[in-house]
N, C-alpha and C. Protein backbone atom coordinates (compact mmCIF):
# COMPACT_ATOMS: atom_id res chain seq x y z
N MET A 1 -8.09 -22.93 3.01
CA MET A 1 -8.03 -23.40 1.65
C MET A 1 -7.76 -24.91 1.69
N SER A 2 -8.71 -25.69 1.21
CA SER A 2 -8.54 -27.13 1.21
C SER A 2 -8.23 -27.62 -0.20
N THR A 3 -7.42 -28.67 -0.27
CA THR A 3 -7.05 -29.24 -1.55
C THR A 3 -7.64 -30.64 -1.61
N THR A 4 -8.43 -30.91 -2.63
CA THR A 4 -9.05 -32.22 -2.77
C THR A 4 -8.15 -33.13 -3.59
N LEU A 5 -8.47 -34.42 -3.58
CA LEU A 5 -7.73 -35.39 -4.37
C LEU A 5 -7.83 -35.05 -5.85
N GLY A 6 -9.00 -34.59 -6.28
CA GLY A 6 -9.18 -34.19 -7.69
C GLY A 6 -8.26 -33.04 -8.06
N ASP A 7 -8.10 -32.06 -7.14
CA ASP A 7 -7.18 -30.94 -7.38
C ASP A 7 -5.75 -31.44 -7.53
N LEU A 8 -5.36 -32.37 -6.66
CA LEU A 8 -4.00 -32.89 -6.73
C LEU A 8 -3.77 -33.65 -8.03
N MET A 9 -4.77 -34.41 -8.47
CA MET A 9 -4.62 -35.16 -9.73
C MET A 9 -4.52 -34.20 -10.91
N ARG A 10 -5.34 -33.15 -10.91
CA ARG A 10 -5.27 -32.16 -12.00
C ARG A 10 -3.92 -31.47 -11.99
N ARG A 11 -3.43 -31.15 -10.81
CA ARG A 11 -2.13 -30.48 -10.72
C ARG A 11 -1.01 -31.41 -11.17
N THR A 12 -1.14 -32.70 -10.87
CA THR A 12 -0.13 -33.67 -11.31
C THR A 12 -0.12 -33.76 -12.82
N ASP A 13 -1.30 -33.82 -13.44
CA ASP A 13 -1.38 -33.85 -14.90
C ASP A 13 -0.81 -32.58 -15.51
N ALA A 14 -1.16 -31.43 -14.91
CA ALA A 14 -0.65 -30.15 -15.42
C ALA A 14 0.86 -30.07 -15.24
N ALA A 15 1.36 -30.59 -14.13
CA ALA A 15 2.80 -30.53 -13.86
C ALA A 15 3.58 -31.33 -14.89
N ARG A 16 2.99 -32.41 -15.40
CA ARG A 16 3.67 -33.18 -16.44
C ARG A 16 3.90 -32.33 -17.69
N GLN A 17 2.96 -31.45 -17.99
CA GLN A 17 3.06 -30.63 -19.19
C GLN A 17 3.68 -29.26 -18.94
N LEU A 18 3.40 -28.69 -17.77
CA LEU A 18 3.80 -27.30 -17.51
C LEU A 18 4.88 -27.16 -16.44
N GLY A 19 5.39 -28.26 -15.93
CA GLY A 19 6.42 -28.18 -14.90
C GLY A 19 5.83 -28.10 -13.51
N GLY A 20 6.69 -27.94 -12.54
CA GLY A 20 6.30 -27.95 -11.14
C GLY A 20 5.30 -26.86 -10.76
N PHE A 21 4.43 -27.20 -9.81
CA PHE A 21 3.42 -26.27 -9.29
C PHE A 21 4.12 -25.20 -8.46
N VAL A 22 3.71 -23.94 -8.65
CA VAL A 22 4.30 -22.83 -7.91
C VAL A 22 3.31 -22.30 -6.87
N ARG A 23 2.13 -21.86 -7.33
CA ARG A 23 1.11 -21.35 -6.40
C ARG A 23 -0.25 -21.28 -7.08
N GLU A 24 -1.27 -21.14 -6.26
CA GLU A 24 -2.65 -21.03 -6.75
C GLU A 24 -3.20 -19.66 -6.39
N HIS A 25 -4.01 -19.12 -7.31
CA HIS A 25 -4.71 -17.85 -7.08
C HIS A 25 -6.20 -18.11 -7.34
N ARG A 26 -7.00 -18.11 -6.28
CA ARG A 26 -8.45 -18.35 -6.42
C ARG A 26 -9.20 -17.04 -6.59
N THR A 27 -10.31 -17.11 -7.32
CA THR A 27 -11.18 -15.96 -7.48
C THR A 27 -12.34 -16.10 -6.52
N ASN A 28 -12.70 -15.03 -5.85
CA ASN A 28 -13.77 -15.03 -4.85
C ASN A 28 -15.11 -14.79 -5.55
N GLY A 29 -15.72 -15.86 -6.03
CA GLY A 29 -16.99 -15.77 -6.73
C GLY A 29 -18.14 -15.37 -5.84
N SER A 30 -18.10 -15.74 -4.57
CA SER A 30 -19.21 -15.39 -3.68
C SER A 30 -19.25 -13.87 -3.45
N ARG A 31 -18.10 -13.22 -3.47
CA ARG A 31 -18.06 -11.76 -3.35
C ARG A 31 -18.72 -11.10 -4.56
N ARG A 32 -18.49 -11.67 -5.75
CA ARG A 32 -19.15 -11.16 -6.95
C ARG A 32 -20.66 -11.31 -6.84
N LEU A 33 -21.11 -12.48 -6.39
CA LEU A 33 -22.56 -12.72 -6.29
C LEU A 33 -23.19 -11.85 -5.21
N THR A 34 -22.48 -11.61 -4.12
CA THR A 34 -22.99 -10.71 -3.08
C THR A 34 -23.16 -9.31 -3.64
N GLN A 35 -22.16 -8.85 -4.39
CA GLN A 35 -22.26 -7.53 -5.02
C GLN A 35 -23.45 -7.47 -5.97
N ALA A 36 -23.65 -8.54 -6.73
CA ALA A 36 -24.78 -8.57 -7.66
C ALA A 36 -26.09 -8.42 -6.90
N GLY A 37 -26.22 -9.11 -5.78
CA GLY A 37 -27.43 -9.03 -4.98
C GLY A 37 -27.68 -7.63 -4.44
N VAL A 38 -26.61 -7.00 -3.94
CA VAL A 38 -26.74 -5.63 -3.41
C VAL A 38 -27.15 -4.67 -4.52
N MET A 39 -26.48 -4.77 -5.67
CA MET A 39 -26.80 -3.87 -6.78
C MET A 39 -28.23 -4.06 -7.26
N MET A 40 -28.67 -5.30 -7.34
CA MET A 40 -30.04 -5.56 -7.80
C MET A 40 -31.07 -5.08 -6.78
N CYS A 41 -30.75 -5.18 -5.48
CA CYS A 41 -31.67 -4.65 -4.45
C CYS A 41 -31.79 -3.14 -4.56
N VAL A 42 -30.65 -2.46 -4.73
CA VAL A 42 -30.68 -1.01 -4.89
C VAL A 42 -31.50 -0.66 -6.13
N GLY A 43 -31.27 -1.40 -7.21
CA GLY A 43 -32.03 -1.17 -8.44
C GLY A 43 -33.52 -1.39 -8.26
N ALA A 44 -33.88 -2.45 -7.55
CA ALA A 44 -35.29 -2.74 -7.33
C ALA A 44 -35.97 -1.65 -6.50
N VAL A 45 -35.26 -1.16 -5.47
CA VAL A 45 -35.82 -0.08 -4.64
C VAL A 45 -35.98 1.18 -5.49
N GLY A 46 -34.96 1.51 -6.29
CA GLY A 46 -35.05 2.68 -7.15
C GLY A 46 -36.23 2.60 -8.10
N LEU A 47 -36.43 1.43 -8.70
CA LEU A 47 -37.57 1.25 -9.61
C LEU A 47 -38.90 1.26 -8.87
N ALA A 48 -38.92 0.64 -7.67
CA ALA A 48 -40.17 0.58 -6.90
C ALA A 48 -40.67 1.97 -6.53
N PHE A 49 -39.73 2.88 -6.25
CA PHE A 49 -40.15 4.25 -5.94
C PHE A 49 -40.23 5.10 -7.21
N GLY A 50 -39.36 4.84 -8.17
CA GLY A 50 -39.30 5.66 -9.37
C GLY A 50 -40.52 5.54 -10.27
N ILE A 51 -41.04 4.34 -10.42
CA ILE A 51 -42.19 4.15 -11.31
C ILE A 51 -43.43 4.89 -10.80
N PRO A 52 -43.81 4.73 -9.52
CA PRO A 52 -44.98 5.49 -9.05
C PRO A 52 -44.78 7.00 -9.08
N VAL A 53 -43.56 7.46 -8.75
CA VAL A 53 -43.29 8.91 -8.79
C VAL A 53 -43.40 9.40 -10.23
N THR A 54 -42.91 8.62 -11.18
CA THR A 54 -43.01 9.01 -12.59
C THR A 54 -44.46 9.11 -13.02
N VAL A 55 -45.26 8.12 -12.65
CA VAL A 55 -46.68 8.14 -13.01
C VAL A 55 -47.38 9.34 -12.37
N ALA A 56 -47.04 9.63 -11.10
CA ALA A 56 -47.67 10.73 -10.40
C ALA A 56 -47.26 12.09 -10.95
N THR A 57 -46.10 12.16 -11.59
CA THR A 57 -45.61 13.46 -12.07
C THR A 57 -45.98 13.75 -13.52
N ILE A 58 -46.70 12.87 -14.15
CA ILE A 58 -47.08 13.11 -15.55
C ILE A 58 -47.93 14.37 -15.61
N GLY A 59 -47.49 15.32 -16.42
CA GLY A 59 -48.21 16.58 -16.59
C GLY A 59 -47.73 17.69 -15.69
N THR A 60 -46.81 17.43 -14.76
CA THR A 60 -46.29 18.49 -13.91
C THR A 60 -44.90 18.91 -14.39
N THR A 61 -44.52 20.09 -14.01
CA THR A 61 -43.21 20.59 -14.42
C THR A 61 -42.35 20.99 -13.24
N GLU A 62 -42.87 20.93 -12.04
CA GLU A 62 -42.07 21.31 -10.88
C GLU A 62 -41.25 20.13 -10.39
N GLY A 63 -40.38 20.28 -9.43
CA GLY A 63 -39.38 19.36 -8.91
C GLY A 63 -39.56 17.86 -9.05
N ALA A 64 -40.79 17.37 -9.14
CA ALA A 64 -41.02 15.93 -9.15
C ALA A 64 -40.44 15.21 -10.36
N PRO A 65 -40.44 15.77 -11.58
CA PRO A 65 -39.86 15.03 -12.71
C PRO A 65 -38.37 14.72 -12.53
N GLU A 66 -37.63 15.65 -11.90
CA GLU A 66 -36.22 15.39 -11.65
C GLU A 66 -36.05 14.25 -10.65
N LEU A 67 -36.88 14.24 -9.62
CA LEU A 67 -36.83 13.15 -8.63
C LEU A 67 -37.18 11.83 -9.29
N ALA A 68 -38.20 11.83 -10.13
CA ALA A 68 -38.60 10.61 -10.83
C ALA A 68 -37.45 10.11 -11.72
N GLY A 69 -36.80 11.03 -12.44
CA GLY A 69 -35.68 10.64 -13.29
C GLY A 69 -34.51 10.08 -12.49
N LEU A 70 -34.23 10.69 -11.35
CA LEU A 70 -33.16 10.20 -10.48
C LEU A 70 -33.47 8.79 -9.98
N LEU A 71 -34.68 8.59 -9.47
CA LEU A 71 -35.05 7.28 -8.96
C LEU A 71 -35.03 6.21 -10.05
N LEU A 72 -35.57 6.55 -11.22
CA LEU A 72 -35.55 5.59 -12.34
C LEU A 72 -34.11 5.31 -12.79
N GLY A 73 -33.29 6.34 -12.82
CA GLY A 73 -31.88 6.16 -13.20
C GLY A 73 -31.16 5.24 -12.24
N VAL A 74 -31.33 5.48 -10.94
CA VAL A 74 -30.71 4.62 -9.94
C VAL A 74 -31.22 3.18 -10.10
N GLY A 75 -32.51 3.04 -10.32
CA GLY A 75 -33.10 1.72 -10.48
C GLY A 75 -32.57 0.98 -11.69
N LEU A 76 -32.53 1.65 -12.82
CA LEU A 76 -32.07 0.99 -14.05
C LEU A 76 -30.58 0.69 -14.02
N VAL A 77 -29.79 1.64 -13.52
CA VAL A 77 -28.35 1.40 -13.43
C VAL A 77 -28.06 0.28 -12.43
N GLY A 78 -28.72 0.31 -11.27
CA GLY A 78 -28.53 -0.74 -10.27
C GLY A 78 -28.89 -2.11 -10.79
N MET A 79 -30.02 -2.21 -11.47
CA MET A 79 -30.44 -3.51 -12.03
C MET A 79 -29.47 -3.95 -13.13
N GLY A 80 -29.09 -3.03 -13.98
CA GLY A 80 -28.16 -3.38 -15.07
C GLY A 80 -26.82 -3.87 -14.56
N LEU A 81 -26.24 -3.13 -13.60
CA LEU A 81 -24.96 -3.54 -13.03
C LEU A 81 -25.08 -4.85 -12.24
N GLY A 82 -26.19 -5.01 -11.54
CA GLY A 82 -26.41 -6.24 -10.79
C GLY A 82 -26.51 -7.45 -11.70
N ILE A 83 -27.24 -7.31 -12.79
CA ILE A 83 -27.36 -8.42 -13.75
C ILE A 83 -26.01 -8.72 -14.39
N TRP A 84 -25.27 -7.66 -14.76
CA TRP A 84 -23.94 -7.85 -15.34
C TRP A 84 -23.03 -8.61 -14.38
N ARG A 85 -23.01 -8.20 -13.10
CA ARG A 85 -22.15 -8.85 -12.11
C ARG A 85 -22.61 -10.29 -11.84
N LEU A 86 -23.93 -10.52 -11.88
CA LEU A 86 -24.46 -11.87 -11.69
C LEU A 86 -24.00 -12.79 -12.82
N VAL A 87 -24.10 -12.33 -14.05
CA VAL A 87 -23.64 -13.11 -15.20
C VAL A 87 -22.14 -13.37 -15.08
N GLN A 88 -21.38 -12.35 -14.73
CA GLN A 88 -19.94 -12.50 -14.56
C GLN A 88 -19.64 -13.52 -13.46
N GLY A 89 -20.39 -13.47 -12.37
CA GLY A 89 -20.18 -14.41 -11.28
C GLY A 89 -20.43 -15.85 -11.69
N PHE A 90 -21.46 -16.09 -12.48
CA PHE A 90 -21.74 -17.44 -12.93
C PHE A 90 -20.76 -17.91 -14.01
N ARG A 91 -20.33 -16.99 -14.87
CA ARG A 91 -19.37 -17.35 -15.91
C ARG A 91 -18.00 -17.71 -15.33
N THR A 92 -17.65 -17.14 -14.18
CA THR A 92 -16.34 -17.38 -13.59
C THR A 92 -16.44 -18.14 -12.28
N ARG A 93 -17.49 -18.92 -12.10
CA ARG A 93 -17.64 -19.65 -10.83
C ARG A 93 -16.50 -20.67 -10.68
N GLU A 94 -16.05 -20.79 -9.49
CA GLU A 94 -14.95 -21.69 -9.14
C GLU A 94 -13.69 -21.42 -9.96
N GLN A 95 -13.46 -20.16 -10.33
CA GLN A 95 -12.28 -19.81 -11.13
C GLN A 95 -11.03 -19.77 -10.27
N SER A 96 -9.97 -20.30 -10.81
CA SER A 96 -8.66 -20.16 -10.15
C SER A 96 -7.57 -20.27 -11.21
N PHE A 97 -6.40 -19.82 -10.83
CA PHE A 97 -5.23 -19.85 -11.69
C PHE A 97 -4.12 -20.58 -10.95
N ASP A 98 -3.59 -21.63 -11.54
CA ASP A 98 -2.44 -22.33 -10.98
C ASP A 98 -1.22 -21.94 -11.79
N ILE A 99 -0.22 -21.40 -11.13
CA ILE A 99 1.03 -21.04 -11.78
C ILE A 99 1.95 -22.26 -11.74
N HIS A 100 2.53 -22.59 -12.88
CA HIS A 100 3.52 -23.66 -12.99
C HIS A 100 4.79 -23.06 -13.56
N GLU A 101 5.84 -23.84 -13.62
CA GLU A 101 7.12 -23.35 -14.12
C GLU A 101 7.07 -22.93 -15.58
N ARG A 102 6.31 -23.67 -16.41
CA ARG A 102 6.30 -23.39 -17.85
C ARG A 102 4.93 -22.92 -18.35
N GLY A 103 4.07 -22.46 -17.46
CA GLY A 103 2.77 -21.97 -17.89
C GLY A 103 1.80 -21.87 -16.73
N LEU A 104 0.53 -21.68 -17.07
CA LEU A 104 -0.50 -21.59 -16.04
C LEU A 104 -1.70 -22.44 -16.43
N THR A 105 -2.45 -22.82 -15.42
CA THR A 105 -3.70 -23.53 -15.62
C THR A 105 -4.82 -22.58 -15.22
N HIS A 106 -5.76 -22.37 -16.12
CA HIS A 106 -6.93 -21.54 -15.84
C HIS A 106 -8.11 -22.49 -15.65
N ARG A 107 -8.65 -22.51 -14.42
CA ARG A 107 -9.78 -23.39 -14.11
C ARG A 107 -11.04 -22.57 -13.88
N VAL A 108 -12.11 -23.00 -14.53
CA VAL A 108 -13.42 -22.39 -14.36
C VAL A 108 -14.46 -23.50 -14.35
N ALA A 109 -15.25 -23.58 -13.29
CA ALA A 109 -16.37 -24.52 -13.17
C ALA A 109 -15.97 -25.95 -13.55
N GLY A 110 -14.84 -26.40 -13.04
CA GLY A 110 -14.43 -27.78 -13.27
C GLY A 110 -13.69 -28.03 -14.57
N THR A 111 -13.54 -27.04 -15.41
CA THR A 111 -12.81 -27.18 -16.67
C THR A 111 -11.46 -26.51 -16.53
N ALA A 112 -10.41 -27.24 -16.86
CA ALA A 112 -9.06 -26.70 -16.76
C ALA A 112 -8.46 -26.52 -18.14
N THR A 113 -7.87 -25.35 -18.37
CA THR A 113 -7.17 -25.07 -19.62
C THR A 113 -5.71 -24.84 -19.30
N LEU A 114 -4.85 -25.65 -19.92
CA LEU A 114 -3.41 -25.51 -19.72
C LEU A 114 -2.89 -24.49 -20.73
N ILE A 115 -2.17 -23.50 -20.26
CA ILE A 115 -1.68 -22.42 -21.11
C ILE A 115 -0.17 -22.28 -20.92
N PRO A 116 0.61 -22.82 -21.85
CA PRO A 116 2.06 -22.62 -21.77
C PRO A 116 2.40 -21.14 -21.98
N TRP A 117 3.52 -20.70 -21.41
CA TRP A 117 3.89 -19.30 -21.52
C TRP A 117 3.96 -18.85 -22.98
N GLN A 118 4.43 -19.71 -23.89
CA GLN A 118 4.58 -19.30 -25.29
C GLN A 118 3.23 -19.11 -26.00
N ASP A 119 2.13 -19.57 -25.41
CA ASP A 119 0.80 -19.36 -25.99
C ASP A 119 0.22 -17.99 -25.65
N ILE A 120 0.88 -17.26 -24.77
CA ILE A 120 0.40 -15.95 -24.34
C ILE A 120 1.05 -14.88 -25.21
N GLU A 121 0.21 -14.05 -25.82
CA GLU A 121 0.70 -12.97 -26.69
C GLU A 121 1.08 -11.74 -25.89
N THR A 122 0.15 -11.25 -25.07
CA THR A 122 0.41 -10.05 -24.28
C THR A 122 -0.20 -10.17 -22.89
N VAL A 123 0.36 -9.39 -21.98
CA VAL A 123 -0.15 -9.26 -20.62
C VAL A 123 -0.27 -7.77 -20.37
N GLY A 124 -1.49 -7.29 -20.24
CA GLY A 124 -1.71 -5.87 -20.00
C GLY A 124 -2.39 -5.65 -18.68
N ALA A 125 -1.75 -4.92 -17.81
CA ALA A 125 -2.31 -4.67 -16.48
C ALA A 125 -2.39 -3.17 -16.23
N HIS A 126 -3.43 -2.77 -15.53
CA HIS A 126 -3.52 -1.40 -15.05
C HIS A 126 -4.22 -1.43 -13.70
N GLY A 127 -3.82 -0.52 -12.85
CA GLY A 127 -4.36 -0.53 -11.51
C GLY A 127 -4.44 0.85 -10.93
N ASP A 128 -4.64 0.86 -9.63
CA ASP A 128 -4.75 2.10 -8.89
C ASP A 128 -5.86 2.98 -9.42
N ASP A 129 -7.02 2.37 -9.63
CA ASP A 129 -8.22 3.11 -10.03
C ASP A 129 -8.57 4.04 -8.88
N GLY A 130 -8.61 5.33 -9.14
CA GLY A 130 -8.83 6.31 -8.10
C GLY A 130 -10.28 6.50 -7.70
N ARG A 131 -11.20 5.82 -8.36
CA ARG A 131 -12.61 6.02 -8.04
C ARG A 131 -12.93 5.45 -6.66
N PRO A 132 -13.88 6.05 -5.96
CA PRO A 132 -14.23 5.55 -4.63
C PRO A 132 -14.69 4.09 -4.69
N LEU A 133 -14.24 3.32 -3.74
CA LEU A 133 -14.61 1.91 -3.58
C LEU A 133 -14.23 1.04 -4.78
N ALA A 134 -13.23 1.44 -5.55
CA ALA A 134 -12.83 0.67 -6.73
C ALA A 134 -12.39 -0.75 -6.36
N GLU A 135 -11.59 -0.89 -5.32
CA GLU A 135 -11.13 -2.22 -4.90
C GLU A 135 -12.31 -3.11 -4.51
N ALA A 136 -13.25 -2.56 -3.75
CA ALA A 136 -14.40 -3.35 -3.31
C ALA A 136 -15.26 -3.82 -4.47
N ARG A 137 -15.30 -3.00 -5.54
CA ARG A 137 -16.09 -3.37 -6.72
C ARG A 137 -15.33 -4.29 -7.65
N GLY A 138 -14.06 -4.57 -7.37
CA GLY A 138 -13.26 -5.41 -8.25
C GLY A 138 -12.64 -4.66 -9.40
N ALA A 139 -12.70 -3.32 -9.36
CA ALA A 139 -12.19 -2.51 -10.46
C ALA A 139 -10.88 -1.81 -10.12
N GLY A 140 -10.32 -2.07 -8.96
CA GLY A 140 -9.10 -1.38 -8.56
C GLY A 140 -7.90 -1.81 -9.36
N PHE A 141 -7.87 -3.06 -9.80
CA PHE A 141 -6.77 -3.59 -10.59
C PHE A 141 -7.36 -4.55 -11.61
N THR A 142 -6.87 -4.45 -12.84
CA THR A 142 -7.33 -5.34 -13.90
C THR A 142 -6.14 -5.77 -14.75
N CYS A 143 -6.13 -7.03 -15.12
CA CYS A 143 -5.10 -7.56 -16.00
C CYS A 143 -5.80 -8.38 -17.08
N VAL A 144 -5.42 -8.15 -18.32
CA VAL A 144 -5.97 -8.93 -19.43
C VAL A 144 -4.82 -9.70 -20.07
N ILE A 145 -4.97 -11.02 -20.09
CA ILE A 145 -3.99 -11.90 -20.73
C ILE A 145 -4.57 -12.29 -22.08
N LYS A 146 -3.89 -11.89 -23.16
CA LYS A 146 -4.35 -12.22 -24.52
C LYS A 146 -3.52 -13.37 -25.04
N LEU A 147 -4.23 -14.38 -25.55
CA LEU A 147 -3.57 -15.56 -26.10
C LEU A 147 -3.41 -15.41 -27.62
N HIS A 148 -2.49 -16.16 -28.19
CA HIS A 148 -2.25 -16.10 -29.63
C HIS A 148 -3.47 -16.53 -30.43
N ASP A 149 -4.35 -17.37 -29.86
CA ASP A 149 -5.53 -17.82 -30.59
C ASP A 149 -6.69 -16.82 -30.53
N GLY A 150 -6.45 -15.65 -29.94
CA GLY A 150 -7.47 -14.60 -29.90
C GLY A 150 -8.27 -14.53 -28.62
N ARG A 151 -8.22 -15.55 -27.78
CA ARG A 151 -8.95 -15.52 -26.51
C ARG A 151 -8.29 -14.57 -25.53
N SER A 152 -9.09 -14.10 -24.58
CA SER A 152 -8.58 -13.23 -23.52
C SER A 152 -9.05 -13.76 -22.18
N ILE A 153 -8.22 -13.58 -21.18
CA ILE A 153 -8.57 -13.94 -19.81
C ILE A 153 -8.41 -12.67 -18.98
N ARG A 154 -9.45 -12.34 -18.22
CA ARG A 154 -9.44 -11.13 -17.41
C ARG A 154 -9.26 -11.49 -15.94
N ILE A 155 -8.35 -10.78 -15.30
CA ILE A 155 -8.09 -10.96 -13.87
C ILE A 155 -8.36 -9.63 -13.20
N ASP A 156 -9.10 -9.64 -12.09
CA ASP A 156 -9.36 -8.40 -11.36
C ASP A 156 -9.15 -8.64 -9.88
N THR A 157 -9.52 -7.67 -9.08
CA THR A 157 -9.23 -7.76 -7.65
C THR A 157 -10.09 -8.78 -6.92
N PHE A 158 -11.01 -9.44 -7.62
CA PHE A 158 -11.72 -10.55 -7.01
C PHE A 158 -10.82 -11.78 -6.91
N THR A 159 -9.71 -11.79 -7.65
CA THR A 159 -8.75 -12.89 -7.61
C THR A 159 -7.69 -12.55 -6.57
N GLU A 160 -7.44 -13.49 -5.66
CA GLU A 160 -6.47 -13.23 -4.60
C GLU A 160 -5.08 -13.01 -5.18
N ASP A 161 -4.40 -12.05 -4.64
CA ASP A 161 -3.05 -11.66 -5.09
C ASP A 161 -3.00 -11.44 -6.60
N ALA A 162 -4.00 -10.72 -7.12
CA ALA A 162 -4.10 -10.49 -8.57
C ALA A 162 -2.87 -9.79 -9.12
N ARG A 163 -2.35 -8.84 -8.38
CA ARG A 163 -1.16 -8.11 -8.85
C ARG A 163 0.05 -9.04 -8.95
N GLN A 164 0.21 -9.91 -7.96
CA GLN A 164 1.32 -10.87 -7.99
C GLN A 164 1.15 -11.84 -9.16
N LEU A 165 -0.07 -12.30 -9.40
CA LEU A 165 -0.35 -13.19 -10.53
C LEU A 165 0.02 -12.51 -11.84
N ALA A 166 -0.43 -11.27 -12.02
CA ALA A 166 -0.12 -10.53 -13.24
C ALA A 166 1.38 -10.33 -13.40
N GLN A 167 2.07 -10.00 -12.32
CA GLN A 167 3.52 -9.79 -12.38
C GLN A 167 4.25 -11.08 -12.75
N THR A 168 3.82 -12.21 -12.19
CA THR A 168 4.44 -13.49 -12.50
C THR A 168 4.27 -13.84 -13.97
N VAL A 169 3.05 -13.66 -14.49
CA VAL A 169 2.78 -13.97 -15.90
C VAL A 169 3.58 -13.02 -16.80
N HIS A 170 3.57 -11.73 -16.47
CA HIS A 170 4.32 -10.75 -17.26
C HIS A 170 5.81 -11.10 -17.28
N SER A 171 6.37 -11.40 -16.12
CA SER A 171 7.79 -11.73 -16.02
C SER A 171 8.14 -12.97 -16.85
N ALA A 172 7.28 -13.97 -16.83
CA ALA A 172 7.54 -15.19 -17.58
C ALA A 172 7.42 -14.96 -19.08
N VAL A 173 6.38 -14.23 -19.49
CA VAL A 173 6.10 -14.05 -20.92
C VAL A 173 7.02 -13.01 -21.55
N HIS A 174 7.16 -11.87 -20.92
CA HIS A 174 7.86 -10.75 -21.55
C HIS A 174 9.33 -10.61 -21.14
N LEU A 175 9.70 -11.15 -19.97
CA LEU A 175 11.06 -10.99 -19.49
C LEU A 175 11.84 -12.30 -19.43
N GLY A 176 11.14 -13.41 -19.67
CA GLY A 176 11.80 -14.71 -19.66
C GLY A 176 12.18 -15.22 -18.28
N ARG A 177 11.65 -14.59 -17.24
CA ARG A 177 11.92 -15.03 -15.86
C ARG A 177 10.84 -16.01 -15.44
N LEU A 178 11.14 -17.31 -15.54
CA LEU A 178 10.16 -18.34 -15.24
C LEU A 178 10.12 -18.60 -13.73
N PRO A 179 8.92 -18.81 -13.18
CA PRO A 179 8.82 -19.10 -11.75
C PRO A 179 9.37 -20.49 -11.43
N GLU A 180 9.82 -20.67 -10.21
CA GLU A 180 10.35 -21.97 -9.79
C GLU A 180 9.30 -22.70 -8.99
N GLY A 181 9.10 -23.98 -9.33
CA GLY A 181 8.14 -24.83 -8.63
C GLY A 181 8.66 -25.29 -7.30
N ARG A 182 7.76 -25.85 -6.53
CA ARG A 182 8.14 -26.35 -5.20
C ARG A 182 9.13 -27.49 -5.33
N GLY A 183 10.25 -27.37 -4.61
CA GLY A 183 11.24 -28.42 -4.58
C GLY A 183 12.11 -28.51 -5.82
N HIS A 184 11.89 -27.62 -6.77
CA HIS A 184 12.67 -27.64 -8.00
C HIS A 184 13.72 -26.54 -7.97
N ARG A 185 14.90 -26.84 -8.39
CA ARG A 185 15.94 -25.83 -8.51
C ARG A 185 16.40 -25.85 -9.96
N ARG A 186 16.35 -24.72 -10.58
CA ARG A 186 16.74 -24.60 -11.98
C ARG A 186 18.27 -24.51 -12.07
N THR A 187 18.83 -25.24 -12.99
CA THR A 187 20.26 -25.13 -13.22
C THR A 187 20.47 -24.37 -14.51
N SER A 188 21.12 -23.23 -14.42
CA SER A 188 21.36 -22.44 -15.63
C SER A 188 22.70 -21.78 -15.61
């Protein structure tokens, strides 16, 4: 993990408003895009076989219509999920969360939004999705941070240490336990 001069300047500006820097949580956008590619390939193969089988089975009633439906279903679902994940990957490219003492910075594609703890309305997290490969798909853990202005920020397992990030935000917002920045000691 490398830190550029621009990152340090942004963190310095954020620290002036949100207090000392605590930690960073980056989102793995390339993993999302890889998943999109795999899903779209599966979808393309399903459609490539499903369309000819469907055409060949027109007028028959034996086993082939079920096979055609299965192939078309796999193709359409694969393409749909792949496109959804691709859009999600581009919408959240270069996403990361910087935790500070008095809030967090949400960065996406070079744009940083400073969010003080008091601007957060709720933090809702759920995890331990029992479905097969849930963690690999990014669905094993999800946290939604709702802001008072109506916006929502979604965190999933594509974000490193997502559970720790959610716990830190929850503790700060709902329990009043603010994180301590590097080199800072709170006197209370």
